PDB file of N, CA and C in Angstrom:
ATOM      1  N   MET A   1       6.282 -12.431  19.821  1.00  0.00           N
ATOM      2  CA  MET A   1       6.207 -12.304  18.595  1.00  0.00           C
ATOM      3  C   MET A   1       4.949 -13.129  17.886  1.00  0.00           C
ATOM      4  N   MET A   2       4.327 -12.407  17.168  1.00  0.00           N
ATOM      5  CA  MET A   2       3.008 -13.080  16.701  1.00  0.00           C
ATOM      6  C   MET A   2       3.401 -13.956  15.478  1.00  0.00           C
ATOM      7  N   SER A   3       3.067 -15.235  15.390  1.00  0.00           N
ATOM      8  CA  SER A   3       3.520 -16.149  14.514  1.00  0.00           C
ATOM      9  C   SER A   3       2.372 -16.456  13.450  1.00  0.00           C
ATOM     10  N   ASP A   4       1.196 -15.804  13.540  1.00  0.00           N
ATOM     11  CA  ASP A   4       0.138 -16.144  12.753  1.00  0.00           C
ATOM     12  C   ASP A   4       0.409 -15.718  11.278  1.00  0.00           C
ATOM     13  N   GLU A   5       1.189 -14.418  11.156  1.00  0.00           N
ATOM     14  CA  GLU A   5       1.612 -13.813  10.031  1.00  0.00           C
ATOM     15  C   GLU A   5       3.097 -13.485   9.971  1.00  0.00           C
ATOM     16  N   PRO A   6       3.721 -13.715   8.793  1.00  0.00           N
ATOM     17  CA  PRO A   6       5.247 -13.440   8.847  1.00  0.00           C
ATOM     18  C   PRO A   6       5.328 -11.920   8.849  1.00  0.00           C
ATOM     19  N   ALA A   7       6.429 -11.498   9.671  1.00  0.00           N
ATOM     20  CA  ALA A   7       6.671 -10.013   9.819  1.00  0.00           C
ATOM     21  C   ALA A   7       6.595  -9.352   8.608  1.00  0.00           C
ATOM     22  N   GLN A   8       7.258  -9.713   7.531  1.00  0.00           N
ATOM     23  CA  GLN A   8       7.472  -8.860   6.307  1.00  0.00           C
ATOM     24  C   GLN A   8       6.031  -8.812   5.566  1.00  0.00           C
ATOM     25  N   SER A   9       5.063  -9.710   5.911  1.00  0.00           N
ATOM     26  CA  SER A   9       3.899  -9.648   5.084  1.00  0.00           C
ATOM     27  C   SER A   9       3.035  -8.352   5.025  1.00  0.00           C
ATOM     28  N   SER A  10       3.280  -7.593   6.166  1.00  0.00           N
ATOM     29  CA  SER A  10       2.289  -6.439   6.175  1.00  0.00           C
ATOM     30  C   SER A  10       3.135  -5.177   6.062  1.00  0.00           C
ATOM     31  N   THR A  11       4.546  -5.304   5.830  1.00  0.00           N
ATOM     32  CA  THR A  11       5.420  -4.178   5.531  1.00  0.00           C
ATOM     33  C   THR A  11       5.734  -3.894   4.293  1.00  0.00           C
ATOM     34  N   VAL A  12       5.815  -2.716   3.755  1.00  0.00           N
ATOM     35  CA  VAL A  12       6.262  -2.315   2.529  1.00  0.00           C
ATOM     36  C   VAL A  12       7.400  -1.424   2.686  1.00  0.00           C
ATOM     37  N   SER A  13       8.118  -1.356   1.586  1.00  0.00           N
ATOM     38  CA  SER A  13       9.475  -0.441   1.676  1.00  0.00           C
ATOM     39  C   SER A  13       9.069   0.957   1.811  1.00  0.00           C
ATOM     40  N   THR A  14      10.004   1.600   2.197  1.00  0.00           N
ATOM     41  CA  THR A  14       9.946   3.212   2.423  1.00  0.00           C
ATOM     42  C   THR A  14       9.425   3.783   1.042  1.00  0.00           C
ATOM     43  N   ALA A  15      10.116   3.401  -0.051  1.00  0.00           N
ATOM     44  CA  ALA A  15       9.784   3.866  -1.402  1.00  0.00           C
ATOM     45  C   ALA A  15       8.193   3.768  -1.685  1.00  0.00           C
ATOM     46  N   ALA A  16       7.698   2.484  -1.345  1.00  0.00           N
ATOM     47  CA  ALA A  16       6.310   2.269  -1.663  1.00  0.00           C
ATOM     48  C   ALA A  16       5.394   3.141  -0.730  1.00  0.00           C
ATOM     49  N   VAL A  17       5.806   3.240   0.436  1.00  0.00           N
ATOM     50  CA  VAL A  17       5.130   4.158   1.488  1.00  0.00           C
ATOM     51  C   VAL A  17       5.033   5.537   1.045  1.00  0.00           C
ATOM     52  N   GLU A  18       6.125   6.045   0.575  1.00  0.00           N
ATOM     53  CA  GLU A  18       6.112   7.387   0.064  1.00  0.00           C
ATOM     54  C   GLU A  18       5.125   7.682  -1.118  1.00  0.00           C
ATOM     55  N   MET A  19       5.268   6.612  -2.007  1.00  0.00           N
ATOM     56  CA  MET A  19       4.344   6.656  -3.204  1.00  0.00           C
ATOM     57  C   MET A  19       2.641   6.558  -2.747  1.00  0.00           C
ATOM     58  N   LEU A  20       2.500   5.825  -1.740  1.00  0.00           N
ATOM     59  CA  LEU A  20       1.078   5.909  -1.122  1.00  0.00           C
ATOM     60  C   LEU A  20       0.708   7.103  -0.492  1.00  0.00           C
ATOM     61  N   TRP A  21       1.674   7.558   0.176  1.00  0.00           N
ATOM     62  CA  TRP A  21       1.386   9.075   0.705  1.00  0.00           C
ATOM     63  C   TRP A  21       1.157  10.060  -0.408  1.00  0.00           C
ATOM     64  N   ARG A  22       1.769   9.857  -1.477  1.00  0.00           N
ATOM     65  CA  ARG A  22       1.417  10.767  -2.618  1.00  0.00           C
ATOM     66  C   ARG A  22       0.236  10.401  -3.383  1.00  0.00           C
ATOM     67  N   GLY A  23      -0.445   9.300  -2.992  1.00  0.00           N
ATOM     68  CA  GLY A  23      -1.707   8.810  -3.656  1.00  0.00           C
ATOM     69  C   GLY A  23      -1.488   8.011  -4.936  1.00  0.00           C
ATOM     70  N   ASP A  24      -0.085   7.502  -5.162  1.00  0.00           N
ATOM     71  CA  ASP A  24       0.257   6.578  -6.207  1.00  0.00           C
ATOM     72  C   ASP A  24       0.211   5.156  -5.714  1.00  0.00           C
ATOM     73  N   VAL A  25      -0.999   4.597  -5.785  1.00  0.00           N
ATOM     74  CA  VAL A  25      -1.215   3.229  -5.268  1.00  0.00           C
ATOM     75  C   VAL A  25      -0.572   2.234  -6.371  1.00  0.00           C
ATOM     76  N   ILE A  26      -0.721   2.569  -7.612  1.00  0.00           N
ATOM     77  CA  ILE A  26      -0.185   1.612  -8.658  1.00  0.00           C
ATOM     78  C   ILE A  26       1.283   1.650  -8.646  1.00  0.00           C
ATOM     79  N   GLY A  27       1.976   2.883  -8.333  1.00  0.00           N
ATOM     80  CA  GLY A  27       3.302   2.869  -8.294  1.00  0.00           C
ATOM     81  C   GLY A  27       3.903   2.126  -7.118  1.00  0.00           C
ATOM     82  N   ALA A  28       3.134   2.302  -6.077  1.00  0.00           N
ATOM     83  CA  ALA A  28       3.539   1.390  -4.988  1.00  0.00           C
ATOM     84  C   ALA A  28       3.502  -0.041  -5.128  1.00  0.00           C
ATOM     85  N   ILE A  29       2.398  -0.460  -5.859  1.00  0.00           N
ATOM     86  CA  ILE A  29       2.366  -1.955  -6.318  1.00  0.00           C
ATOM     87  C   ILE A  29       3.425  -2.394  -7.219  1.00  0.00           C
ATOM     88  N   LYS A  30       3.734  -1.477  -8.141  1.00  0.00           N
ATOM     89  CA  LYS A  30       4.942  -1.828  -8.930  1.00  0.00           C
ATOM     90  C   LYS A  30       6.193  -2.113  -8.210  1.00  0.00           C
ATOM     91  N   VAL A  31       6.442  -1.246  -7.248  1.00  0.00           N
ATOM     92  CA  VAL A  31       7.676  -1.152  -6.390  1.00  0.00           C
ATOM     93  C   VAL A  31       7.647  -2.486  -5.602  1.00  0.00           C
ATOM     94  N   VAL A  32       6.630  -2.850  -4.978  1.00  0.00           N
ATOM     95  CA  VAL A  32       6.336  -3.975  -4.181  1.00  0.00           C
ATOM     96  C   VAL A  32       6.640  -5.327  -5.106  1.00  0.00           C
ATOM     97  N   ARG A  33       6.077  -5.205  -6.393  1.00  0.00           N
ATOM     98  CA  ARG A  33       6.128  -6.548  -7.187  1.00  0.00           C
ATOM     99  C   ARG A  33       7.821  -6.672  -7.421  1.00  0.00           C
ATOM    100  N   VAL A  34       8.507  -5.566  -7.587  1.00  0.00           N
ATOM    101  CA  VAL A  34       9.806  -5.648  -8.050  1.00  0.00           C
ATOM    102  C   VAL A  34      10.698  -6.098  -7.119  1.00  0.00           C
ATOM    103  N   GLU A  35      10.480  -5.408  -5.712  1.00  0.00           N
ATOM    104  CA  GLU A  35      11.230  -5.769  -4.640  1.00  0.00           C
ATOM    105  C   GLU A  35      11.046  -7.188  -4.154  1.00  0.00           C
ATOM    106  N   ARG A  36       9.787  -7.627  -4.061  1.00  0.00           N
ATOM    107  CA  ARG A  36       9.592  -8.988  -3.258  1.00  0.00           C
ATOM    108  C   ARG A  36       9.300 -10.109  -4.583  1.00  0.00           C
ATOM    109  N   ASN A  37       9.539  -9.485  -5.875  1.00  0.00           N
ATOM    110  CA  ASN A  37       9.383 -10.592  -6.784  1.00  0.00           C
ATOM    111  C   ASN A  37       7.944 -11.399  -6.742  1.00  0.00           C
ATOM    112  N   LEU A  38       6.880 -10.527  -6.627  1.00  0.00           N
ATOM    113  CA  LEU A  38       5.447 -11.122  -6.401  1.00  0.00           C
ATOM    114  C   LEU A  38       4.665 -10.914  -7.817  1.00  0.00           C
ATOM    115  N   GLY A  39       3.563 -11.657  -7.837  1.00  0.00           N
ATOM    116  CA  GLY A  39       2.686 -11.248  -8.773  1.00  0.00           C
ATOM    117  C   GLY A  39       1.755 -10.207  -8.600  1.00  0.00           C
ATOM    118  N   LEU A  40       1.148  -9.790  -9.654  1.00  0.00           N
ATOM    119  CA  LEU A  40       0.405  -8.388  -9.481  1.00  0.00           C
ATOM    120  C   LEU A  40      -0.730  -8.578  -8.226  1.00  0.00           C
ATOM    121  N   LYS A  41      -1.376  -9.756  -8.138  1.00  0.00           N
ATOM    122  CA  LYS A  41      -2.327 -10.065  -7.210  1.00  0.00           C
ATOM    123  C   LYS A  41      -1.722  -9.874  -5.775  1.00  0.00           C
ATOM    124  N   GLU A  42      -0.652 -10.533  -5.565  1.00  0.00           N
ATOM    125  CA  GLU A  42      -0.010 -10.713  -4.428  1.00  0.00           C
ATOM    126  C   GLU A  42       0.449  -9.361  -3.895  1.00  0.00           C
ATOM    127  N   ALA A  43       1.047  -8.518  -4.842  1.00  0.00           N
ATOM    128  CA  ALA A  43       1.588  -7.270  -4.532  1.00  0.00           C
ATOM    129  C   ALA A  43       0.428  -6.327  -4.169  1.00  0.00           C
ATOM    130  N   LYS A  44      -0.761  -6.442  -4.942  1.00  0.00           N
ATOM    131  CA  LYS A  44      -1.885  -5.474  -4.717  1.00  0.00           C
ATOM    132  C   LYS A  44      -2.501  -5.979  -3.194  1.00  0.00           C
ATOM    133  N   ASP A  45      -2.583  -7.163  -3.069  1.00  0.00           N
ATOM    134  CA  ASP A  45      -3.076  -7.572  -1.706  1.00  0.00           C
ATOM    135  C   ASP A  45      -2.063  -6.983  -0.532  1.00  0.00           C
ATOM    136  N   LEU A  46      -0.848  -7.167  -0.735  1.00  0.00           N
ATOM    137  CA  LEU A  46       0.224  -6.622   0.318  1.00  0.00           C
ATOM    138  C   LEU A  46       0.030  -5.077   0.562  1.00  0.00           C
ATOM    139  N   VAL A  47      -0.058  -4.349  -0.652  1.00  0.00           N
ATOM    140  CA  VAL A  47      -0.188  -3.062  -0.469  1.00  0.00           C
ATOM    141  C   VAL A  47      -1.645  -2.699   0.196  1.00  0.00           C
ATOM    142  N   ASP A  48      -2.698  -3.202  -0.185  1.00  0.00           N
ATOM    143  CA  ASP A  48      -3.928  -3.217   0.280  1.00  0.00           C
ATOM    144  C   ASP A  48      -4.023  -3.432   1.888  1.00  0.00           C
ATOM    145  N   ALA A  49      -3.335  -4.534   2.408  1.00  0.00           N
ATOM    146  CA  ALA A  49      -3.305  -4.818   3.738  1.00  0.00           C
ATOM    147  C   ALA A  49      -2.448  -3.735   4.571  1.00  0.00           C
ATOM    148  N   TYR A  50      -1.493  -3.099   3.795  1.00  0.00           N
ATOM    149  CA  TYR A  50      -0.720  -2.046   4.515  1.00  0.00           C
ATOM    150  C   TYR A  50      -1.530  -0.961   4.726  1.00  0.00           C
ATOM    151  N   ILE A  51      -2.418  -0.471   3.634  1.00  0.00           N
ATOM    152  CA  ILE A  51      -3.135   0.556   3.688  1.00  0.00           C
ATOM    153  C   ILE A  51      -4.230   0.348   4.793  1.00  0.00           C
ATOM    154  N   ARG A  52      -4.663  -0.687   4.916  1.00  0.00           N
ATOM    155  CA  ARG A  52      -5.722  -0.925   6.001  1.00  0.00           C
ATOM    156  C   ARG A  52      -5.091  -0.977   7.278  1.00  0.00           C
ATOM    157  N   SER A  53      -3.844  -1.181   7.482  1.00  0.00           N
ATOM    158  CA  SER A  53      -3.178  -1.184   8.786  1.00  0.00           C
ATOM    159  C   SER A  53      -2.690   0.159   9.197  1.00  0.00           C
ATOM    160  N   GLN A  54      -2.859   1.220   8.286  1.00  0.00           N
ATOM    161  CA  GLN A  54      -2.562   2.564   8.508  1.00  0.00           C
ATOM    162  C   GLN A  54      -3.756   3.508   8.416  1.00  0.00           C
ATOM    163  N   PRO A  55      -4.397   3.633   9.552  1.00  0.00           N
ATOM    164  CA  PRO A  55      -5.651   4.411   9.414  1.00  0.00           C
ATOM    165  C   PRO A  55      -5.348   5.892   8.880  1.00  0.00           C
ATOM    166  N   SER A  56      -4.374   6.551   9.235  1.00  0.00           N
ATOM    167  CA  SER A  56      -4.174   8.022   8.884  1.00  0.00           C
ATOM    168  C   SER A  56      -3.945   7.987   7.254  1.00  0.00           C
ATOM    169  N   LEU A  57      -3.176   7.077   6.773  1.00  0.00           N
ATOM    170  CA  LEU A  57      -3.105   6.889   5.509  1.00  0.00           C
ATOM    171  C   LEU A  57      -4.285   6.525   4.639  1.00  0.00           C
ATOM    172  N   ARG A  58      -4.914   5.734   5.195  1.00  0.00           N
ATOM    173  CA  ARG A  58      -6.257   5.288   4.465  1.00  0.00           C
ATOM    174  C   ARG A  58      -7.262   6.485   4.579  1.00  0.00           C
ATOM    175  N   GLN A  59      -7.279   7.154   5.696  1.00  0.00           N
ATOM    176  CA  GLN A  59      -8.134   8.428   5.656  1.00  0.00           C
ATOM    177  C   GLN A  59      -7.679   9.343   4.692  1.00  0.00           C
ATOM    178  N   LYS A  60      -6.451   9.575   4.349  1.00  0.00           N
ATOM    179  CA  LYS A  60      -6.000  10.588   3.400  1.00  0.00           C
ATOM    180  C   LYS A  60      -6.305  10.090   2.113  1.00  0.00           C
ATOM    181  N   MET A  61      -6.116   8.702   1.894  1.00  0.00           N
ATOM    182  CA  MET A  61      -6.327   8.288   0.417  1.00  0.00           C
ATOM    183  C   MET A  61      -7.843   8.456   0.259  1.00  0.00           C
ATOM    184  N   GLU A  62      -8.610   8.220   1.121  1.00  0.00           N
ATOM    185  CA  GLU A  62     -10.117   8.380   0.999  1.00  0.00           C
ATOM    186  C   GLU A  62     -10.553   9.771   0.513  1.00  0.00           C
ATOM    187  N   GLN A  63      -9.966  10.736   1.379  1.00  0.00           N
ATOM    188  CA  GLN A  63     -10.220  12.150   1.046  1.00  0.00           C
ATOM    189  C   GLN A  63      -9.842  12.345  -0.415  1.00  0.00           C
ATOM    190  N   THR A  64      -8.698  12.109  -0.703  1.00  0.00           N
ATOM    191  CA  THR A  64      -8.081  12.384  -2.041  1.00  0.00           C
ATOM    192  C   THR A  64      -8.902  11.825  -3.186  1.00  0.00           C
ATOM    193  N   GLN A  65      -9.386  10.624  -3.041  1.00  0.00           N
ATOM    194  CA  GLN A  65     -10.280   9.971  -4.044  1.00  0.00           C
ATOM    195  C   GLN A  65     -11.654  10.812  -4.120  1.00  0.00           C
ATOM    196  N   ALA A  66     -12.111  11.260  -2.966  1.00  0.00           N
ATOM    197  CA  ALA A  66     -13.483  11.739  -2.986  1.00  0.00           C
ATOM    198  C   ALA A  66     -13.175  13.145  -3.605  1.00  0.00           C
ATOM    199  N   GLY A  67     -12.030  13.740  -3.562  1.00  0.00           N
ATOM    200  CA  GLY A  67     -11.877  15.202  -4.219  1.00  0.00           C
ATOM    201  C   GLY A  67     -11.560  14.970  -5.598  1.00  0.00           C
ATOM    202  N   CYS A  68     -11.140  14.081  -6.201  1.00  0.00           N
ATOM    203  CA  CYS A  68     -10.874  13.715  -7.545  1.00  0.00           C
ATOM    204  C   CYS A  68     -12.024  13.772  -8.279  1.00  0.00           C
ATOM    205  N   GLY A  69     -13.275  13.499  -7.982  1.00  0.00           N
ATOM    206  CA  GLY A  69     -14.476  13.516  -8.658  1.00  0.00           C
ATOM    207  C   GLY A  69     -15.273  14.808  -8.736  1.00  0.00           C
ATOM    208  N   ARG A  70     -14.646  15.666  -8.083  1.00  0.00           N
ATOM    209  CA  ARG A  70     -15.101  17.239  -8.162  1.00  0.00           C
ATOM    210  C   ARG A  70     -14.234  18.009  -9.193  1.00  0.00           C
ATOM    211  N   SER A  71     -14.950  18.954  -9.790  1.00  0.00           N
ATOM    212  CA  SER A  71     -14.338  19.889 -10.681  1.00  0.00           C
ATOM    213  C   SER A  71     -13.954  21.207 -10.100  1.00  0.00           C
TER     214      SER A  71
END
């Protein structure tokens, strides 16, 4: 077991993960804030870390963001 980082620090709930896959980062941050009783910055950092740890999710989100700028 890796002791450098608490196990829960990089995991988010299923509800938050589902929101991320739908592209709702703000919703996922809100869920994490409520579930973990965290401040905005801490919840955002946790969600960002989760996204970075999931290459397929990160790629999907980048493609979605790139497509939003087009008409």
